[in-house]
């Protein structure tokens, strides 16, 4: 492997700058909405907006934008969501304090007949609360940010989105009511339950969290025992905002670890899966891994050297037991940097310097590539997604920052709603 030409810190700064560039250029300055995917006429996703809001403090601290520029962006965004239409109408922006998954970039209205998304609303609200903690000066503009962040969070009616067993519904549509799917079992909804439990206005009952954890699966893979979820992003997204080091709920007290260590094990298992490469895909190895919900080269069935391969488009890939069609997501490996820097840093080096995955890309890594999928002779790493996604760029920017400075963790350790939610979920120890 080539030695790094730049210092580790410089390399990470470039990664962050490239990822932030997505939010700089793919945001509507009139309403703060961020395009979900860098494709023509694509809508905004509210998760993208939540990641952008969380990223503005990072951008200020790293000198990517000024504090005044960030204040303008944040204020515009929060005002839009506070003032946008809330109601049961099919073209509203939200209802009961939650928001539709995808919104028109110009009007901010629901698009694609999508669902009112509880998890994506949680990411949006977490972004607002991050800004409320960071912009803490005693002036009119920053006071407004804090006021709007609190108001948006307190408007979310978590009791309305409860299912019969007190777990949280995944969503609602005006056409059909609540979706039949609920947040049960370990995944990215850890943050959702903490926010729901911490609400001073419409809190979830404590039984909600216990019923969620009742669906957990503890398993053993490649020498590690851990709480299982196949896509790696599920082990990362809640950790953007919450520092889980040293704090434990009842489940993790029983297992003798915390969620941070669990995510570390999930990361190490993904690397081991790539090393063992049970399906014999091209490119996999010690420094080439990362399996998660992602774009892909399918849907298509292709015969390669007499072997039938099925390739998928956007699907929840994962390891060791998830969907795997040879597609690798560089961003999700980078976002595990705080958990396992000893394997992530050389993986970044491999992606950048050995196979040149950032070459010609203004926003750094494209979302995915697949060395197994047959392409033209000039495609040295096989198929590569033509798109960048906000939900890939955000975790790079933010988790690299938590590794470098712990900025987001430090901000949210002071947030009274997060603290209350963690305590009501049964977390004890550490910084709590």
Protein backbone atom coordinates (compact mmCIF):
# COMPACT_ATOMS: atom_id res chain seq x y z
CA UNK A 1 0.00 0.00 0.00
CA UNK A 2 1.25 3.50 -0.80
CA UNK A 3 2.16 5.69 2.12
CA UNK A 4 -0.22 8.58 2.67
CA UNK A 5 1.09 11.68 0.89
CA UNK A 6 -0.88 14.04 3.12
CA UNK A 7 -1.14 13.87 6.89
CA UNK A 8 -4.08 11.96 8.38
CA UNK A 9 -5.63 15.23 9.49
CA UNK A 10 -5.27 16.81 6.05
CA UNK A 11 -6.77 13.74 4.37
CA UNK A 12 -9.78 13.82 6.69
CA UNK A 13 -10.22 17.57 6.23
CA UNK A 14 -10.38 17.07 2.46
CA UNK A 15 -12.98 14.32 2.88
CA UNK A 16 -15.10 16.61 5.01
CA UNK A 17 -14.72 19.57 2.68
CA UNK A 18 -15.77 17.46 -0.32
CA UNK A 19 -18.78 16.04 1.53
CA UNK A 20 -19.86 19.47 2.75
CA UNK A 21 -19.65 20.74 -0.84
CA UNK A 22 -22.70 18.57 -1.58
CA UNK A 23 -24.79 20.52 0.92
CA UNK A 24 -23.37 23.83 -0.29
CA UNK A 25 -24.36 23.22 -3.90
CA UNK A 26 -27.43 20.97 -3.57
CA UNK A 27 -29.48 23.15 -1.19
CA UNK A 28 -32.27 25.54 -2.13
CA UNK A 29 -31.28 28.78 -0.35
CA UNK A 30 -34.90 29.96 -0.37
CA UNK A 31 -36.15 27.23 1.98
CA UNK A 32 -33.12 25.22 3.13
CA UNK A 33 -34.28 22.01 1.43
CA UNK A 34 -31.49 19.65 0.36
CA UNK A 35 -31.81 17.39 -2.66
CA UNK A 36 -31.85 13.71 -1.70
CA UNK A 37 -29.78 12.60 -4.70
CA UNK A 38 -27.71 14.47 -7.28
CA UNK A 39 -30.08 13.60 -10.13
CA UNK A 40 -32.14 15.99 -12.28
CA UNK A 41 -35.56 16.97 -10.89
CA UNK A 42 -35.07 14.91 -7.74
CA UNK A 43 -36.89 15.89 -4.51
CA UNK A 44 -35.51 16.81 -1.13
CA UNK A 45 -35.48 14.31 1.71
CA UNK A 46 -36.02 15.52 5.24
CA UNK A 47 -33.19 13.26 6.45
CA UNK A 48 -30.89 15.18 4.10
CA UNK A 49 -32.02 18.43 5.71
CA UNK A 50 -31.38 17.02 9.19
CA UNK A 51 -27.85 16.05 8.21
CA UNK A 52 -27.28 19.48 6.64
CA UNK A 53 -28.45 21.24 9.80
CA UNK A 54 -26.10 19.09 11.87
CA UNK A 55 -23.31 19.83 9.42
CA UNK A 56 -23.50 23.63 9.53
CA UNK A 57 -21.76 23.88 12.92
CA UNK A 58 -19.01 21.61 11.56
CA UNK A 59 -18.69 23.82 8.48
CA UNK A 60 -18.30 26.88 10.69
CA UNK A 61 -15.69 25.26 12.93
CA UNK A 62 -13.71 24.01 9.92
CA UNK A 63 -13.88 27.33 8.10
CA UNK A 64 -15.97 26.08 5.18
CA UNK A 65 -18.49 28.89 5.78
CA UNK A 66 -18.78 31.83 8.15
CA UNK A 67 -20.97 31.81 11.23
CA UNK A 68 -23.19 34.48 9.66
CA UNK A 69 -23.65 32.36 6.53
CA UNK A 70 -24.59 29.38 8.68
CA UNK A 71 -27.04 31.44 10.74
CA UNK A 72 -28.81 32.53 7.55
CA UNK A 73 -29.02 28.94 6.26
CA UNK A 74 -30.23 27.52 9.56
CA UNK A 75 -32.77 30.28 10.16
CA UNK A 76 -34.20 29.91 6.65
CA UNK A 77 -34.51 26.15 7.08
CA UNK A 78 -36.11 26.20 10.53
CA UNK A 79 -38.53 28.97 9.57
CA UNK A 80 -39.62 26.98 6.53
CA UNK A 81 -40.41 23.88 8.55
CA UNK A 82 -42.15 25.84 11.29
CA UNK A 83 -44.33 27.77 8.84
CA UNK A 84 -44.93 25.00 6.27
CA UNK A 85 -48.44 23.49 5.96
CA UNK A 86 -49.27 20.92 8.65
CA UNK A 87 -52.46 18.93 8.16
CA UNK A 88 -54.16 15.83 6.74
CA UNK A 89 -54.24 17.22 3.19
CA UNK A 90 -52.32 14.99 0.72
CA UNK A 91 -50.12 17.87 -0.45
CA UNK A 92 -49.12 19.24 2.95
CA UNK A 93 -45.53 19.31 4.20
CA UNK A 94 -46.24 17.53 7.46
CA UNK A 95 -48.79 16.56 10.08
CA UNK A 96 -48.74 16.33 13.88
CA UNK A 97 -45.21 17.77 13.87
CA UNK A 98 -43.79 15.05 11.60
CA UNK A 99 -42.84 15.52 7.95
CA UNK A 100 -43.14 13.69 4.67
CA UNK A 101 -40.09 11.70 3.63
CA UNK A 102 -39.71 13.52 0.28
CA UNK A 103 -40.59 17.14 -0.43
CA UNK A 104 -40.61 19.14 -3.63
CA UNK A 105 -37.39 21.18 -3.73
CA UNK A 106 -39.22 24.40 -4.65
CA UNK A 107 -42.62 24.25 -2.96
CA UNK A 108 -41.69 22.08 0.01
CA UNK A 109 -44.87 20.05 -0.47
CA UNK A 110 -45.17 16.25 -0.31
CA UNK A 111 -44.05 14.46 -3.44
CA UNK A 112 -44.20 10.89 -4.84
CA UNK A 113 -47.20 10.09 -2.58
CA UNK A 114 -44.61 9.26 0.07
CA UNK A 115 -45.18 8.52 3.73
CA UNK A 116 -45.01 10.84 6.71
CA UNK A 117 -41.74 9.36 7.99
CA UNK A 118 -41.08 9.01 11.70
CA UNK A 119 -37.40 8.05 11.37
CA UNK A 120 -36.56 10.77 8.85
CA UNK A 121 -38.43 13.30 11.00
CA UNK A 122 -36.23 12.18 13.90
CA UNK A 123 -33.09 12.97 11.89
CA UNK A 124 -34.56 16.35 10.93
CA UNK A 125 -35.39 17.21 14.54
CA UNK A 126 -31.97 16.04 15.73
CA UNK A 127 -30.41 18.44 13.24
CA UNK A 128 -32.56 21.29 14.50
CA UNK A 129 -31.63 20.54 18.12
CA UNK A 130 -27.93 20.43 17.20
CA UNK A 131 -28.23 23.95 15.83
CA UNK A 132 -30.10 24.99 18.95
CA UNK A 133 -27.13 23.91 21.05
CA UNK A 134 -24.44 25.37 18.81
CA UNK A 135 -25.92 28.79 18.12
CA UNK A 136 -25.96 29.88 21.75
CA UNK A 137 -25.05 33.57 21.54
CA UNK A 138 -27.19 36.21 23.22
CA UNK A 139 -28.41 37.93 20.07
CA UNK A 140 -31.69 38.07 18.15
CA UNK A 141 -30.69 35.72 15.32
CA UNK A 142 -29.30 32.93 17.46
CA UNK A 143 -32.13 33.22 19.98
CA UNK A 144 -34.56 32.69 17.09
CA UNK A 145 -32.70 29.52 16.08
CA UNK A 146 -32.99 28.15 19.61
CA UNK A 147 -36.67 29.10 19.83
CA UNK A 148 -37.53 27.46 16.50
CA UNK A 149 -35.52 24.31 17.24
CA UNK A 150 -37.34 23.82 20.53
CA UNK A 151 -40.73 24.59 19.00
CA UNK A 152 -40.25 22.12 16.15
CA UNK A 153 -39.19 19.36 18.51
CA UNK A 154 -42.00 20.01 20.97
CA UNK A 155 -44.62 20.00 18.20
CA UNK A 156 -43.89 16.37 17.24
CA UNK A 157 -46.76 14.27 18.64
CA UNK A 158 -45.02 11.00 19.49
CA UNK A 159 -48.18 9.68 21.13
CA UNK A 160 -50.05 9.96 17.81
CA UNK A 161 -47.51 7.70 16.03
CA UNK A 162 -47.66 4.94 18.65
CA UNK A 163 -48.81 1.51 17.51
CA UNK A 164 -50.99 -0.77 19.65
CA UNK A 165 -47.96 -2.26 21.43
CA UNK A 166 -46.53 1.23 22.12
CA UNK A 167 -43.76 0.86 19.55
CA UNK A 168 -43.58 3.61 16.93
CA UNK A 169 -45.15 3.29 13.49
CA UNK A 170 -42.77 3.72 10.56
CA UNK A 171 -45.11 6.18 8.92
CA UNK A 172 -48.52 7.42 7.85
CA UNK A 173 -50.20 8.44 4.60
CA UNK A 174 -53.40 10.47 4.18
CA UNK A 175 -54.66 7.82 1.76
CA UNK A 176 -54.25 4.73 3.97
CA UNK A 177 -53.43 5.82 7.49
CA UNK A 178 -50.58 4.26 9.44
CA UNK A 179 -48.24 1.84 7.70
CA UNK A 180 -48.37 -1.78 8.90
CA UNK A 181 -44.66 -1.64 9.79
CA UNK A 182 -43.30 -0.67 13.21
CA UNK A 183 -39.88 0.13 14.63
CA UNK A 184 -39.07 -3.10 16.45
CA UNK A 185 -35.62 -4.61 16.84
CA UNK A 186 -32.19 -3.03 16.62
CA UNK A 187 -31.60 -0.48 13.86
CA UNK A 188 -31.22 3.26 13.32
CA UNK A 189 -34.40 3.92 15.35
CA UNK A 190 -32.39 4.06 18.58
CA UNK A 191 -32.27 7.85 18.13
CA UNK A 192 -35.99 7.96 17.35
CA UNK A 193 -36.91 6.35 20.67
CA UNK A 194 -34.55 8.60 22.64
CA UNK A 195 -36.15 11.68 21.07
CA UNK A 196 -39.66 10.32 21.61
CA UNK A 197 -39.00 9.48 25.25
CA UNK A 198 -37.42 12.88 25.90
CA UNK A 199 -40.34 14.96 24.64
CA UNK A 200 -41.79 17.36 27.26
CA UNK A 201 -45.06 17.65 25.32
CA UNK A 202 -46.06 14.27 23.80
CA UNK A 203 -43.63 11.71 25.25
CA UNK A 204 -43.61 8.03 24.46
CA UNK A 205 -44.21 5.74 27.45
CA UNK A 206 -41.17 3.91 28.78
CA UNK A 207 -42.76 0.65 27.64
CA UNK A 208 -42.18 1.78 24.05
CA UNK A 209 -38.45 1.39 24.45
CA UNK A 210 -38.71 -1.97 26.17
CA UNK A 211 -41.00 -3.26 23.43
CA UNK A 212 -38.53 -2.03 20.82
CA UNK A 213 -35.61 -3.85 22.47
CA UNK A 214 -37.70 -7.03 22.74
CA UNK A 215 -37.03 -7.54 19.03
CA UNK A 216 -33.23 -7.47 19.41
CA UNK A 217 -31.12 -10.31 17.96
CA UNK A 218 -27.83 -11.13 19.68
CA UNK A 219 -25.56 -13.27 17.54
CA UNK A 220 -21.97 -14.45 17.04
CA UNK A 221 -19.98 -13.82 13.86
CA UNK A 222 -16.26 -14.07 13.03
CA UNK A 223 -15.29 -14.31 16.68
CA UNK A 224 -17.47 -11.44 17.93
CA UNK A 225 -20.77 -11.46 19.81
CA UNK A 226 -22.94 -8.44 19.07
CA UNK A 227 -26.39 -6.98 18.59
CA UNK A 228 -27.15 -7.74 14.97
CA UNK A 229 -28.29 -5.52 12.14
CA UNK A 230 -27.04 -6.33 8.65
CA UNK A 231 -26.65 -2.86 7.02
CA UNK A 232 -23.75 -0.97 8.60
CA UNK A 233 -25.57 2.37 8.53
CA UNK A 234 -27.94 1.07 11.21
CA UNK A 235 -24.97 0.88 13.57
CA UNK A 236 -23.95 4.47 12.78
CA UNK A 237 -26.74 6.98 12.31
CA UNK A 238 -27.87 7.34 15.93
CA UNK A 239 -24.21 7.71 16.90
CA UNK A 240 -23.92 10.89 14.85
CA UNK A 241 -25.77 12.71 17.62
CA UNK A 242 -25.43 10.56 20.75
CA UNK A 243 -22.16 9.60 22.41
CA UNK A 244 -22.89 6.06 23.58
CA UNK A 245 -19.44 5.46 25.05
CA UNK A 246 -19.75 4.26 28.64
CA UNK A 247 -23.54 4.54 28.93
CA UNK A 248 -25.76 1.46 28.96
CA UNK A 249 -29.43 0.59 28.92
CA UNK A 250 -30.69 -2.56 30.67
CA UNK A 251 -30.03 -4.71 27.60
CA UNK A 252 -26.42 -3.61 27.24
CA UNK A 253 -25.81 -3.82 31.00
CA UNK A 254 -26.72 -7.49 30.71
CA UNK A 255 -24.33 -7.96 27.76
CA UNK A 256 -21.47 -6.10 29.43
CA UNK A 257 -20.83 -3.67 26.56
CA UNK A 258 -22.28 -0.39 25.25
CA UNK A 259 -23.72 0.56 21.86
CA UNK A 260 -20.44 2.16 20.82
CA UNK A 261 -18.56 -1.11 21.36
CA UNK A 262 -21.38 -2.90 19.57
CA UNK A 263 -20.89 -0.67 16.52
CA UNK A 264 -17.15 -1.29 16.70
CA UNK A 265 -17.78 -5.04 16.55
CA UNK A 266 -20.21 -4.62 13.65
CA UNK A 267 -17.50 -2.71 11.79
CA UNK A 268 -14.84 -5.35 12.44
CA UNK A 269 -17.26 -8.08 11.36
CA UNK A 270 -17.86 -6.32 8.04
CA UNK A 271 -14.12 -6.26 7.41
CA UNK A 272 -13.82 -9.95 8.30
CA UNK A 273 -16.71 -10.75 5.98
CA UNK A 274 -14.90 -8.99 3.12
CA UNK A 275 -11.66 -10.85 3.88
CA UNK A 276 -13.44 -14.22 3.90
CA UNK A 277 -15.55 -13.15 0.86
CA UNK A 278 -17.90 -16.17 0.97
CA UNK A 279 -19.46 -15.43 -2.44
CA UNK A 280 -16.16 -14.75 -4.23
CA UNK A 281 -16.91 -11.20 -5.36
CA UNK A 282 -14.19 -9.11 -7.02
CA UNK A 283 -12.33 -6.46 -5.04
CA UNK A 284 -13.30 -7.51 -1.51
CA UNK A 285 -10.49 -7.54 1.04
CA UNK A 286 -8.93 -6.21 4.21
CA UNK A 287 -9.19 -2.62 3.00
CA UNK A 288 -12.13 -2.87 0.63
CA UNK A 289 -15.43 -3.34 2.46
CA UNK A 290 -18.62 -1.48 3.45
CA UNK A 291 -22.05 -3.07 3.01
CA UNK A 292 -25.22 -1.11 3.65
CA UNK A 293 -28.46 0.21 2.17
CA UNK A 294 -27.25 1.61 -1.11
CA UNK A 295 -27.53 2.19 -4.83
CA UNK A 296 -26.49 -0.67 -7.12
CA UNK A 297 -26.05 -1.73 -10.76
CA UNK A 298 -29.26 -3.74 -11.10
CA UNK A 299 -31.88 -4.95 -11.34
CA UNK A 300 -30.27 -7.43 -13.69
CA UNK A 301 -29.21 -11.07 -13.86
CA UNK A 302 -25.81 -11.60 -15.49
CA UNK A 303 -23.81 -14.76 -16.15
CA UNK A 304 -20.12 -14.23 -15.35
CA UNK A 305 -17.71 -17.08 -16.09
CA UNK A 306 -20.67 -19.44 -16.21
CA UNK A 307 -22.02 -18.34 -12.82
CA UNK A 308 -25.40 -16.65 -12.49
CA UNK A 309 -25.26 -13.36 -10.55
CA UNK A 310 -28.27 -11.30 -9.55
CA UNK A 311 -27.58 -7.58 -9.16
CA UNK A 312 -29.95 -5.16 -7.38
CA UNK A 313 -30.55 -1.43 -7.55
CA UNK A 314 -31.30 0.43 -4.29
CA UNK A 315 -31.67 -2.18 -1.55
CA UNK A 316 -30.64 -2.77 2.07
CA UNK A 317 -27.39 -4.63 1.56
CA UNK A 318 -25.51 -5.87 4.62
CA UNK A 319 -23.14 -8.38 6.16
CA UNK A 320 -22.70 -11.08 7.25
CA UNK A 321 -26.28 -12.28 6.58
CA UNK A 322 -27.72 -9.48 4.48
CA UNK A 323 -28.17 -8.98 0.76
CA UNK A 324 -24.79 -9.00 -1.03
CA UNK A 325 -24.30 -8.61 -4.79
CA UNK A 326 -20.70 -7.37 -4.80
CA UNK A 327 -21.61 -3.71 -4.20
CA UNK A 328 -19.33 -1.74 -1.86
CA UNK A 329 -20.20 1.61 -0.22
CA UNK A 330 -17.06 3.64 0.59
CA UNK A 331 -18.97 6.19 2.64
CA UNK A 332 -20.23 3.67 5.17
CA UNK A 333 -16.70 2.46 5.87
CA UNK A 334 -15.60 6.08 6.44
CA UNK A 335 -18.54 6.71 8.79
CA UNK A 336 -17.24 3.94 11.09
CA UNK A 337 -14.06 5.96 11.73
CA UNK A 338 -14.82 6.71 15.41
CA UNK A 339 -15.45 3.02 16.13
CA UNK A 340 -12.41 1.40 14.50
CA UNK A 341 -9.88 3.93 13.18
CA UNK A 342 -7.16 1.27 12.92
CA UNK A 343 -9.02 -0.40 10.05
CA UNK A 344 -10.92 2.60 8.63
CA UNK A 345 -7.91 4.85 8.03
CA UNK A 346 -6.07 2.33 5.82
CA UNK A 347 -9.38 1.59 4.08
CA UNK A 348 -9.73 5.31 3.23
CA UNK A 349 -6.16 5.22 1.91
CA UNK A 350 -7.03 2.24 -0.26
CA UNK A 351 -10.17 3.86 -1.67
CA UNK A 352 -8.41 7.16 -2.39
CA UNK A 353 -4.89 6.19 -3.43
CA UNK A 354 -5.08 2.59 -4.64
CA UNK A 355 -8.27 2.62 -6.70
CA UNK A 356 -8.90 6.35 -7.09
CA UNK A 357 -12.56 6.35 -6.13
CA UNK A 358 -12.71 10.15 -5.76
CA UNK A 359 -11.21 10.96 -9.15
CA UNK A 360 -13.29 13.57 -10.96
CA UNK A 361 -16.02 13.63 -8.32
CA UNK A 362 -16.73 17.09 -6.83
CA UNK A 363 -18.33 15.60 -3.72
CA UNK A 364 -15.71 12.94 -2.97
CA UNK A 365 -16.74 9.30 -3.07
CA UNK A 366 -19.69 8.28 -5.23
CA UNK A 367 -22.21 6.29 -3.22
CA UNK A 368 -21.22 2.78 -4.37
CA UNK A 369 -19.15 0.73 -6.77
CA UNK A 370 -19.22 -2.91 -7.85
CA UNK A 371 -16.00 -4.47 -9.22
CA UNK A 372 -17.82 -7.71 -10.10
CA UNK A 373 -20.41 -6.15 -12.40
CA UNK A 374 -19.24 -6.31 -16.05
CA UNK A 375 -18.46 -2.88 -17.49
CA UNK A 376 -16.39 -1.50 -20.32
CA UNK A 377 -12.64 -2.03 -20.35
CA UNK A 378 -11.96 1.48 -19.05
CA UNK A 379 -13.90 0.90 -15.80
CA UNK A 380 -11.00 -0.20 -13.63
CA UNK A 381 -13.18 -0.70 -10.58
CA UNK A 382 -16.23 -2.03 -12.38
CA UNK A 383 -19.60 -0.33 -12.10
CA UNK A 384 -19.82 2.94 -10.15
CA UNK A 385 -23.00 4.73 -9.15
CA UNK A 386 -23.49 7.91 -11.18
CA UNK A 387 -25.00 9.64 -8.15
CA UNK A 388 -24.13 11.22 -4.86
CA UNK A 389 -26.65 10.95 -1.99
CA UNK A 390 -27.08 13.36 0.92
CA UNK A 391 -27.51 10.46 3.35
CA UNK A 392 -24.02 9.25 2.33
CA UNK A 393 -22.30 12.64 2.40
CA UNK A 394 -23.72 13.67 5.78
CA UNK A 395 -22.36 10.74 7.83
CA UNK A 396 -18.88 11.24 6.33
CA UNK A 397 -18.83 14.91 7.32
CA UNK A 398 -20.25 14.29 10.79
CA UNK A 399 -18.64 11.05 11.91
CA UNK A 400 -15.21 12.23 10.76
CA UNK A 401 -15.82 15.32 12.89
CA UNK A 402 -16.79 13.24 15.92
CA UNK A 403 -13.53 11.33 15.46
CA UNK A 404 -11.50 14.53 15.12
CA UNK A 405 -13.09 16.80 17.72
CA UNK A 406 -16.24 15.14 19.16
CA UNK A 407 -18.07 18.36 18.25
CA UNK A 408 -21.56 16.93 17.71
CA UNK A 409 -21.27 14.59 20.70
CA UNK A 410 -20.17 17.47 22.93
CA UNK A 411 -23.07 19.63 21.78
CA UNK A 412 -25.70 16.96 22.30
CA UNK A 413 -24.38 15.84 25.69
CA UNK A 414 -25.75 19.21 26.85
CA UNK A 415 -29.18 18.77 25.30
CA UNK A 416 -31.84 18.34 27.99
CA UNK A 417 -34.16 16.37 25.69
CA UNK A 418 -31.46 13.84 24.80
CA UNK A 419 -30.52 13.47 28.47
CA UNK A 420 -34.16 12.97 29.48
CA UNK A 421 -34.75 10.47 26.68
CA UNK A 422 -31.69 8.43 27.60
CA UNK A 423 -32.64 8.34 31.27
CA UNK A 424 -36.23 7.32 30.52
CA UNK A 425 -34.83 4.55 28.27
CA UNK A 426 -32.90 3.26 31.28
CA UNK A 427 -29.40 4.44 30.36
CA UNK A 428 -26.95 4.90 33.21
CA UNK A 429 -23.23 5.47 33.69
CA UNK A 430 -20.56 7.43 31.86
CA UNK A 431 -21.23 11.06 31.02
CA UNK A 432 -24.88 10.72 32.12
